[in-house]
Amino acid sequence: MVAQSALAVVDGILEKANSSGAPPCNAVRMQAACIRALIDEVECHPASSGIVGSLQEQLGDEVNRLMELVRMR
């Protein structure tokens, strides 16, 4: 499922940032929280719901933004 894959990416990024000795900046933490909220929203709707596709697309965009933030650090 897309949402679970995104959650794994977010958790991995935050874990790696924490283990590197430099805690993630506020922007990274806020973006991770946004992604988690989107995942919760996706999981609240049945897969057949018309909104799920849009939420998954937004989820992909937000994961890409998170990866950009991490690269800029």
PDB file of N, CA and C in Angstrom:
ATOM      1  N   MET A   1       0.843  -1.189   0.000  1.00  0.00           N
ATOM      2  CA  MET A   1       0.000   0.000   0.000  1.00  0.00           C
ATOM      3  C   MET A   1       0.885   1.248   0.000  1.00  0.00           C
ATOM      4  N   VAL A   2       0.490   2.242  -0.741  1.00  0.00           N
ATOM      5  CA  VAL A   2       1.252   3.480  -0.872  1.00  0.00           C
ATOM      6  C   VAL A   2       1.462   4.155   0.476  1.00  0.00           C
ATOM      7  N   ALA A   3       0.418   4.214   1.283  1.00  0.00           N
ATOM      8  CA  ALA A   3       0.515   4.907   2.571  1.00  0.00           C
ATOM      9  C   ALA A   3       1.544   4.251   3.471  1.00  0.00           C
ATOM     10  N   GLN A   4       1.563   2.937   3.530  1.00  0.00           N
ATOM     11  CA  GLN A   4       2.522   2.246   4.387  1.00  0.00           C
ATOM     12  C   GLN A   4       3.944   2.424   3.868  1.00  0.00           C
ATOM     13  N   SER A   5       4.127   2.452   2.554  1.00  0.00           N
ATOM     14  CA  SER A   5       5.450   2.707   1.984  1.00  0.00           C
ATOM     15  C   SER A   5       5.930   4.102   2.349  1.00  0.00           C
ATOM     16  N   ALA A   6       5.037   5.067   2.277  1.00  0.00           N
ATOM     17  CA  ALA A   6       5.394   6.440   2.637  1.00  0.00           C
ATOM     18  C   ALA A   6       5.758   6.531   4.106  1.00  0.00           C
ATOM     19  N   LEU A   7       5.019   5.837   4.953  1.00  0.00           N
ATOM     20  CA  LEU A   7       5.309   5.849   6.383  1.00  0.00           C
ATOM     21  C   LEU A   7       6.678   5.245   6.654  1.00  0.00           C
ATOM     22  N   ALA A   8       7.021   4.181   5.955  1.00  0.00           N
ATOM     23  CA  ALA A   8       8.335   3.563   6.119  1.00  0.00           C
ATOM     24  C   ALA A   8       9.444   4.528   5.707  1.00  0.00           C
ATOM     25  N   VAL A   9       9.240   5.270   4.625  1.00  0.00           N
ATOM     26  CA  VAL A   9      10.229   6.262   4.176  1.00  0.00           C
ATOM     27  C   VAL A   9      10.405   7.348   5.230  1.00  0.00           C
ATOM     28  N   VAL A  10       9.289   7.870   5.745  1.00  0.00           N
ATOM     29  CA  VAL A  10       9.344   8.937   6.755  1.00  0.00           C
ATOM     30  C   VAL A  10      10.070   8.452   7.998  1.00  0.00           C
ATOM     31  N   ASP A  11       9.694   7.283   8.489  1.00  0.00           N
ATOM     32  CA  ASP A  11      10.333   6.749   9.692  1.00  0.00           C
ATOM     33  C   ASP A  11      11.823   6.513   9.468  1.00  0.00           C
ATOM     34  N   GLY A  12      12.183   6.003   8.301  1.00  0.00           N
ATOM     35  CA  GLY A  12      13.590   5.769   7.991  1.00  0.00           C
ATOM     36  C   GLY A  12      14.395   7.054   7.935  1.00  0.00           C
ATOM     37  N   ILE A  13      13.836   8.084   7.336  1.00  0.00           N
ATOM     38  CA  ILE A  13      14.529   9.372   7.244  1.00  0.00           C
ATOM     39  C   ILE A  13      14.741   9.963   8.631  1.00  0.00           C
ATOM     40  N   LEU A  14      13.701   9.934   9.452  1.00  0.00           N
ATOM     41  CA  LEU A  14      13.830  10.494  10.798  1.00  0.00           C
ATOM     42  C   LEU A  14      14.799   9.685  11.649  1.00  0.00           C
ATOM     43  N   GLU A  15      14.760   8.362  11.523  1.00  0.00           N
ATOM     44  CA  GLU A  15      15.680   7.505  12.280  1.00  0.00           C
ATOM     45  C   GLU A  15      17.123   7.776  11.871  1.00  0.00           C
ATOM     46  N   LYS A  16      17.364   7.884  10.575  1.00  0.00           N
ATOM     47  CA  LYS A  16      18.719   8.151  10.087  1.00  0.00           C
ATOM     48  C   LYS A  16      19.199   9.520  10.561  1.00  0.00           C
ATOM     49  N   ALA A  17      18.322  10.507  10.517  1.00  0.00           N
ATOM     50  CA  ALA A  17      18.693  11.852  10.973  1.00  0.00           C
ATOM     51  C   ALA A  17      19.017  11.841  12.461  1.00  0.00           C
ATOM     52  N   ASN A  18      18.240  11.138  13.249  1.00  0.00           N
ATOM     53  CA  ASN A  18      18.489  11.074  14.688  1.00  0.00           C
ATOM     54  C   ASN A  18      19.781  10.336  15.003  1.00  0.00           C
ATOM     55  N   SER A  19      20.088   9.281  14.260  1.00  0.00           N
ATOM     56  CA  SER A  19      21.289   8.498  14.538  1.00  0.00           C
ATOM     57  C   SER A  19      22.555   9.181  14.042  1.00  0.00           C
ATOM     58  N   SER A  20      22.414  10.172  13.181  1.00  0.00           N
ATOM     59  CA  SER A  20      23.590  10.867  12.652  1.00  0.00           C
ATOM     60  C   SER A  20      24.161  11.858  13.653  1.00  0.00           C
ATOM     61  N   GLY A  21      23.478  12.043  14.763  1.00  0.00           N
ATOM     62  CA  GLY A  21      23.960  12.973  15.778  1.00  0.00           C
ATOM     63  C   GLY A  21      23.400  14.367  15.604  1.00  0.00           C
ATOM     64  N   ALA A  22      22.805  14.639  14.466  1.00  0.00           N
ATOM     65  CA  ALA A  22      22.192  15.945  14.221  1.00  0.00           C
ATOM     66  C   ALA A  22      20.690  15.736  14.128  1.00  0.00           C
ATOM     67  N   PRO A  23      19.955  16.145  15.149  1.00  0.00           N
ATOM     68  CA  PRO A  23      18.505  15.933  15.090  1.00  0.00           C
ATOM     69  C   PRO A  23      17.902  16.660  13.891  1.00  0.00           C
ATOM     70  N   PRO A  24      16.817  16.125  13.361  1.00  0.00           N
ATOM     71  CA  PRO A  24      16.201  16.765  12.197  1.00  0.00           C
ATOM     72  C   PRO A  24      15.730  18.178  12.525  1.00  0.00           C
ATOM     73  N   CYS A  25      15.862  19.052  11.552  1.00  0.00           N
ATOM     74  CA  CYS A  25      15.428  20.432  11.748  1.00  0.00           C
ATOM     75  C   CYS A  25      13.902  20.491  11.828  1.00  0.00           C
ATOM     76  N   ASN A  26      13.406  21.627  12.256  1.00  0.00           N
ATOM     77  CA  ASN A  26      11.957  21.795  12.410  1.00  0.00           C
ATOM     78  C   ASN A  26      11.209  21.560  11.105  1.00  0.00           C
ATOM     79  N   ALA A  27      11.773  22.004   9.996  1.00  0.00           N
ATOM     80  CA  ALA A  27      11.097  21.830   8.703  1.00  0.00           C
ATOM     81  C   ALA A  27      10.920  20.347   8.379  1.00  0.00           C
ATOM     82  N   VAL A  28      11.932  19.547   8.671  1.00  0.00           N
ATOM     83  CA  VAL A  28      11.850  18.110   8.408  1.00  0.00           C
ATOM     84  C   VAL A  28      10.804  17.476   9.318  1.00  0.00           C
ATOM     85  N   ARG A  29      10.820  17.837  10.591  1.00  0.00           N
ATOM     86  CA  ARG A  29       9.829  17.283  11.524  1.00  0.00           C
ATOM     87  C   ARG A  29       8.412  17.689  11.129  1.00  0.00           C
ATOM     88  N   MET A  30       8.235  18.938  10.720  1.00  0.00           N
ATOM     89  CA  MET A  30       6.904  19.406  10.319  1.00  0.00           C
ATOM     90  C   MET A  30       6.429  18.693   9.053  1.00  0.00           C
ATOM     91  N   GLN A  31       7.331  18.487   8.112  1.00  0.00           N
ATOM     92  CA  GLN A  31       6.968  17.789   6.876  1.00  0.00           C
ATOM     93  C   GLN A  31       6.603  16.337   7.185  1.00  0.00           C
ATOM     94  N   ALA A  32       7.352  15.713   8.080  1.00  0.00           N
ATOM     95  CA  ALA A  32       7.043  14.336   8.479  1.00  0.00           C
ATOM     96  C   ALA A  32       5.662  14.269   9.128  1.00  0.00           C
ATOM     97  N   ALA A  33       5.339  15.241   9.954  1.00  0.00           N
ATOM     98  CA  ALA A  33       4.016  15.281  10.594  1.00  0.00           C
ATOM     99  C   ALA A  33       2.917  15.450   9.549  1.00  0.00           C
ATOM    100  N   CYS A  34       3.163  16.267   8.556  1.00  0.00           N
ATOM    101  CA  CYS A  34       2.197  16.462   7.466  1.00  0.00           C
ATOM    102  C   CYS A  34       1.956  15.138   6.737  1.00  0.00           C
ATOM    103  N   ILE A  35       3.017  14.415   6.467  1.00  0.00           N
ATOM    104  CA  ILE A  35       2.900  13.137   5.764  1.00  0.00           C
ATOM    105  C   ILE A  35       2.124  12.135   6.611  1.00  0.00           C
ATOM    106  N   ARG A  36       2.434  12.094   7.888  1.00  0.00           N
ATOM    107  CA  ARG A  36       1.705  11.170   8.766  1.00  0.00           C
ATOM    108  C   ARG A  36       0.212  11.509   8.802  1.00  0.00           C
ATOM    109  N   ALA A  37      -0.112  12.794   8.810  1.00  0.00           N
ATOM    110  CA  ALA A  37      -1.522  13.207   8.798  1.00  0.00           C
ATOM    111  C   ALA A  37      -2.201  12.777   7.493  1.00  0.00           C
ATOM    112  N   LEU A  38      -1.494  12.917   6.380  1.00  0.00           N
ATOM    113  CA  LEU A  38      -2.052  12.471   5.097  1.00  0.00           C
ATOM    114  C   LEU A  38      -2.263  10.960   5.087  1.00  0.00           C
ATOM    115  N   ILE A  39      -1.321  10.218   5.659  1.00  0.00           N
ATOM    116  CA  ILE A  39      -1.462   8.763   5.735  1.00  0.00           C
ATOM    117  C   ILE A  39      -2.708   8.407   6.538  1.00  0.00           C
ATOM    118  N   ASP A  40      -2.885   9.078   7.661  1.00  0.00           N
ATOM    119  CA  ASP A  40      -4.090   8.839   8.469  1.00  0.00           C
ATOM    120  C   ASP A  40      -5.349   9.121   7.658  1.00  0.00           C
ATOM    121  N   GLU A  41      -5.313  10.194   6.888  1.00  0.00           N
ATOM    122  CA  GLU A  41      -6.482  10.568   6.078  1.00  0.00           C
ATOM    123  C   GLU A  41      -6.748   9.519   4.996  1.00  0.00           C
ATOM    124  N   VAL A  42      -5.700   9.040   4.341  1.00  0.00           N
ATOM    125  CA  VAL A  42      -5.861   8.011   3.307  1.00  0.00           C
ATOM    126  C   VAL A  42      -6.488   6.761   3.916  1.00  0.00           C
ATOM    127  N   GLU A  43      -6.010   6.387   5.097  1.00  0.00           N
ATOM    128  CA  GLU A  43      -6.490   5.159   5.727  1.00  0.00           C
ATOM    129  C   GLU A  43      -7.919   5.287   6.258  1.00  0.00           C
ATOM    130  N   CYS A  44      -8.431   6.500   6.398  1.00  0.00           N
ATOM    131  CA  CYS A  44      -9.806   6.714   6.876  1.00  0.00           C
ATOM    132  C   CYS A  44     -10.849   6.477   5.791  1.00  0.00           C
ATOM    133  N   HIS A  45     -10.428   6.482   4.547  1.00  0.00           N
ATOM    134  CA  HIS A  45     -11.367   6.368   3.429  1.00  0.00           C
ATOM    135  C   HIS A  45     -11.228   5.004   2.762  1.00  0.00           C
ATOM    136  N   PRO A  46     -12.329   4.448   2.281  1.00  0.00           N
ATOM    137  CA  PRO A  46     -12.231   3.193   1.533  1.00  0.00           C
ATOM    138  C   PRO A  46     -11.479   3.425   0.222  1.00  0.00           C
ATOM    139  N   ALA A  47     -10.790   2.393  -0.224  1.00  0.00           N
ATOM    140  CA  ALA A  47      -9.989   2.511  -1.449  1.00  0.00           C
ATOM    141  C   ALA A  47     -10.831   2.952  -2.644  1.00  0.00           C
ATOM    142  N   SER A  48     -12.105   2.624  -2.630  1.00  0.00           N
ATOM    143  CA  SER A  48     -12.976   2.984  -3.752  1.00  0.00           C
ATOM    144  C   SER A  48     -13.408   4.447  -3.728  1.00  0.00           C
ATOM    145  N   SER A  49     -13.109   5.134  -2.641  1.00  0.00           N
ATOM    146  CA  SER A  49     -13.490   6.540  -2.516  1.00  0.00           C
ATOM    147  C   SER A  49     -12.727   7.377  -3.532  1.00  0.00           C
ATOM    148  N   GLY A  50     -13.400   8.317  -4.121  1.00  0.00           N
ATOM    149  CA  GLY A  50     -12.774   9.175  -5.125  1.00  0.00           C
ATOM    150  C   GLY A  50     -11.658  10.042  -4.588  1.00  0.00           C
ATOM    151  N   ILE A  51     -11.660  10.309  -3.306  1.00  0.00           N
ATOM    152  CA  ILE A  51     -10.664  11.200  -2.724  1.00  0.00           C
ATOM    153  C   ILE A  51      -9.314  10.510  -2.513  1.00  0.00           C
ATOM    154  N   VAL A  52      -9.312   9.195  -2.442  1.00  0.00           N
ATOM    155  CA  VAL A  52      -8.085   8.469  -2.128  1.00  0.00           C
ATOM    156  C   VAL A  52      -7.003   8.713  -3.177  1.00  0.00           C
ATOM    157  N   GLY A  53      -7.363   8.723  -4.439  1.00  0.00           N
ATOM    158  CA  GLY A  53      -6.378   8.967  -5.493  1.00  0.00           C
ATOM    159  C   GLY A  53      -5.713  10.321  -5.346  1.00  0.00           C
ATOM    160  N   SER A  54      -6.489  11.341  -5.060  1.00  0.00           N
ATOM    161  CA  SER A  54      -5.938  12.686  -4.865  1.00  0.00           C
ATOM    162  C   SER A  54      -5.047  12.741  -3.636  1.00  0.00           C
ATOM    163  N   LEU A  55      -5.485  12.088  -2.565  1.00  0.00           N
ATOM    164  CA  LEU A  55      -4.678  12.071  -1.341  1.00  0.00           C
ATOM    165  C   LEU A  55      -3.358  11.341  -1.567  1.00  0.00           C
ATOM    166  N   GLN A  56      -3.392  10.245  -2.313  1.00  0.00           N
ATOM    167  CA  GLN A  56      -2.163   9.509  -2.598  1.00  0.00           C
ATOM    168  C   GLN A  56      -1.218  10.338  -3.461  1.00  0.00           C
ATOM    169  N   GLU A  57      -1.767  11.076  -4.400  1.00  0.00           N
ATOM    170  CA  GLU A  57      -0.937  11.955  -5.223  1.00  0.00           C
ATOM    171  C   GLU A  57      -0.283  13.030  -4.357  1.00  0.00           C
ATOM    172  N   GLN A  58      -1.061  13.622  -3.477  1.00  0.00           N
ATOM    173  CA  GLN A  58      -0.512  14.633  -2.573  1.00  0.00           C
ATOM    174  C   GLN A  58       0.524  14.011  -1.644  1.00  0.00           C
ATOM    175  N   LEU A  59       0.272  12.803  -1.201  1.00  0.00           N
ATOM    176  CA  LEU A  59       1.214  12.102  -0.338  1.00  0.00           C
ATOM    177  C   LEU A  59       2.556  11.928  -1.039  1.00  0.00           C
ATOM    178  N   GLY A  60       2.520  11.545  -2.299  1.00  0.00           N
ATOM    179  CA  GLY A  60       3.755  11.415  -3.075  1.00  0.00           C
ATOM    180  C   GLY A  60       4.497  12.735  -3.184  1.00  0.00           C
ATOM    181  N   ASP A  61       3.760  13.815  -3.422  1.00  0.00           N
ATOM    182  CA  ASP A  61       4.381  15.146  -3.499  1.00  0.00           C
ATOM    183  C   ASP A  61       5.037  15.526  -2.176  1.00  0.00           C
ATOM    184  N   GLU A  62       4.356  15.233  -1.075  1.00  0.00           N
ATOM    185  CA  GLU A  62       4.886  15.601   0.243  1.00  0.00           C
ATOM    186  C   GLU A  62       6.116  14.771   0.605  1.00  0.00           C
ATOM    187  N   VAL A  63       6.136  13.499   0.213  1.00  0.00           N
ATOM    188  CA  VAL A  63       7.328  12.670   0.449  1.00  0.00           C
ATOM    189  C   VAL A  63       8.499  13.224  -0.357  1.00  0.00           C
ATOM    190  N   ASN A  64       8.251  13.639  -1.590  1.00  0.00           N
ATOM    191  CA  ASN A  64       9.317  14.246  -2.397  1.00  0.00           C
ATOM    192  C   ASN A  64       9.840  15.519  -1.748  1.00  0.00           C
ATOM    193  N   ARG A  65       8.950  16.338  -1.201  1.00  0.00           N
ATOM    194  CA  ARG A  65       9.387  17.555  -0.507  1.00  0.00           C
ATOM    195  C   ARG A  65      10.241  17.219   0.706  1.00  0.00           C
ATOM    196  N   LEU A  66       9.847  16.181   1.429  1.00  0.00           N
ATOM    197  CA  LEU A  66      10.633  15.758   2.591  1.00  0.00           C
ATOM    198  C   LEU A  66      12.035  15.346   2.158  1.00  0.00           C
ATOM    199  N   MET A  67      12.130  14.598   1.082  1.00  0.00           N
ATOM    200  CA  MET A  67      13.447  14.165   0.608  1.00  0.00           C
ATOM    201  C   MET A  67      14.282  15.363   0.160  1.00  0.00           C
ATOM    202  N   GLU A  68      13.656  16.366  -0.442  1.00  0.00           N
ATOM    203  CA  GLU A  68      14.376  17.584  -0.824  1.00  0.00           C
ATOM    204  C   GLU A  68      14.892  18.319   0.411  1.00  0.00           C
ATOM    205  N   LEU A  69      14.070  18.405   1.443  1.00  0.00           N
ATOM    206  CA  LEU A  69      14.495  19.066   2.686  1.00  0.00           C
ATOM    207  C   LEU A  69      15.693  18.353   3.301  1.00  0.00           C
ATOM    208  N   VAL A  70      15.669  17.039   3.280  1.00  0.00           N
ATOM    209  CA  VAL A  70      16.765  16.268   3.861  1.00  0.00           C
ATOM    210  C   VAL A  70      18.037  16.473   3.048  1.00  0.00           C
ATOM    211  N   ARG A  71      17.922  16.527   1.737  1.00  0.00           N
ATOM    212  CA  ARG A  71      19.107  16.746   0.890  1.00  0.00           C
ATOM    213  C   ARG A  71      19.716  18.123   1.112  1.00  0.00           C
ATOM    214  N   MET A  72      18.881  19.113   1.447  1.00  0.00           N
ATOM    215  CA  MET A  72      19.372  20.484   1.638  1.00  0.00           C
ATOM    216  C   MET A  72      20.087  20.655   2.975  1.00  0.00           C
ATOM    217  N   ARG A  73      19.899  19.734   3.888  1.00  0.00           N
ATOM    218  CA  ARG A  73      20.509  19.849   5.215  1.00  0.00           C
ATOM    219  C   ARG A  73      21.992  19.773   5.162  1.00  0.00           C
TER     220      ARG A  73
END
